[in-house]
Protein backbone atom coordinates (compact mmCIF):
# COMPACT_ATOMS: atom_id res chain seq x y z
CA MET A 1 136.50 61.36 99.42
CA ASN A 2 137.34 63.77 102.22
CA GLY A 3 134.24 65.76 101.26
CA ILE A 4 131.99 62.83 102.15
CA GLY A 5 133.70 62.09 105.45
CA ILE A 6 136.14 59.36 104.40
CA SER A 7 139.73 60.23 105.31
CA HIS A 8 142.60 59.71 102.89
CA ASP A 9 144.08 56.88 104.98
CA GLU A 10 140.71 55.18 105.28
CA TRP A 11 139.89 55.13 101.57
CA LYS A 12 143.41 54.32 100.42
CA THR A 13 144.37 51.59 102.89
CA ASP A 14 141.62 50.57 105.30
CA ARG A 15 138.74 50.25 102.87
CA ASN A 16 140.56 50.03 99.53
CA LEU A 17 138.06 52.40 97.91
CA THR A 18 138.40 53.98 94.49
CA TRP A 19 136.44 56.69 92.72
CA TYR A 20 134.95 53.89 90.62
CA SER A 21 133.65 52.15 93.75
CA LEU A 22 131.92 55.40 94.72
CA ARG A 23 130.35 55.59 91.24
CA HIS A 24 129.29 51.93 91.48
CA PHE A 25 127.70 52.58 94.87
CA GLY A 26 125.84 55.63 93.54
CA ILE A 27 124.42 53.80 90.54
CA THR A 28 123.45 50.79 92.67
CA MET A 29 121.64 52.98 95.22
CA ARG A 30 119.74 54.78 92.47
CA ILE A 31 118.62 51.47 90.96
CA MET A 32 117.51 50.23 94.37
CA SER A 33 115.58 53.49 94.80
CA GLY A 34 113.72 52.85 91.56
CA VAL A 35 115.36 55.43 89.29
CA ASN A 36 114.49 54.84 85.63
CA VAL A 37 117.30 53.05 83.75
CA VAL A 38 117.15 55.48 80.82
CA ASP A 39 117.50 58.49 83.12
CA LEU A 40 120.25 56.78 85.08
CA SER A 41 122.23 55.94 81.95
CA LYS A 42 122.16 59.61 80.94
CA LEU A 43 123.13 60.73 84.45
CA ALA A 44 126.00 58.23 84.68
CA GLY A 45 127.16 58.74 81.11
CA THR A 46 126.95 55.07 80.20
CA SER A 47 124.73 52.86 78.07
CA ILE A 48 121.46 51.31 79.13
CA GLY A 49 122.92 47.91 78.23
CA HIS A 50 125.87 48.40 80.56
CA ILE A 51 123.58 49.33 83.44
CA GLU A 52 121.34 46.35 82.75
CA ASN A 53 124.27 43.91 82.57
CA THR A 54 126.19 45.29 85.53
CA TYR A 55 123.69 46.67 88.00
CA LEU A 56 120.20 45.25 87.52
CA LYS A 57 121.13 42.02 89.29
CA TYR A 58 120.96 44.01 92.54
CA ARG A 59 117.43 45.10 91.75
CA GLU A 60 116.38 41.50 90.99
CA GLU A 61 117.97 40.24 94.22
CA GLN A 62 116.23 42.98 96.18
CA MET A 63 112.86 42.10 94.64
CA LYS A 64 113.30 38.40 95.49
CA THR A 65 114.31 39.18 99.06
CA SER A 66 111.38 41.57 99.54
CA ALA A 67 108.91 39.08 98.09
CA LEU A 68 110.11 36.27 100.32
CA LYS A 69 109.83 38.43 103.45
CA THR A 70 106.05 38.48 103.13
CA PHE A 71 105.69 34.69 103.17
CA SER A 72 106.24 32.00 105.77
CA ILE A 73 105.91 28.24 105.74
CA ASN A 74 103.68 26.62 108.36
CA LYS A 75 104.23 23.24 110.08
CA GLN A 76 102.41 21.44 107.26
CA GLY A 77 104.84 22.91 104.72
CA LEU A 78 102.27 25.29 103.23
CA VAL A 79 103.03 28.88 102.36
CA GLU A 80 101.22 31.52 104.41
CA VAL A 81 100.96 35.22 103.72
């Protein structure tokens, strides 16, 4: 973790980070960037099913949030783009 600018004390005590949390972050960021699940499963050395079950919820949440940002509700309760 020192190589990415996180000191030993910080990742062991302050932030309670593990190497797995770094892996989880990397996979999540790649999904959010639109990396293909098949390619990502090969890169991460895990199954497509595991990625779908564990990480795709972030992609779905991101899509919902992005979609809702483009709409507003007027005073009459109607949706406007």
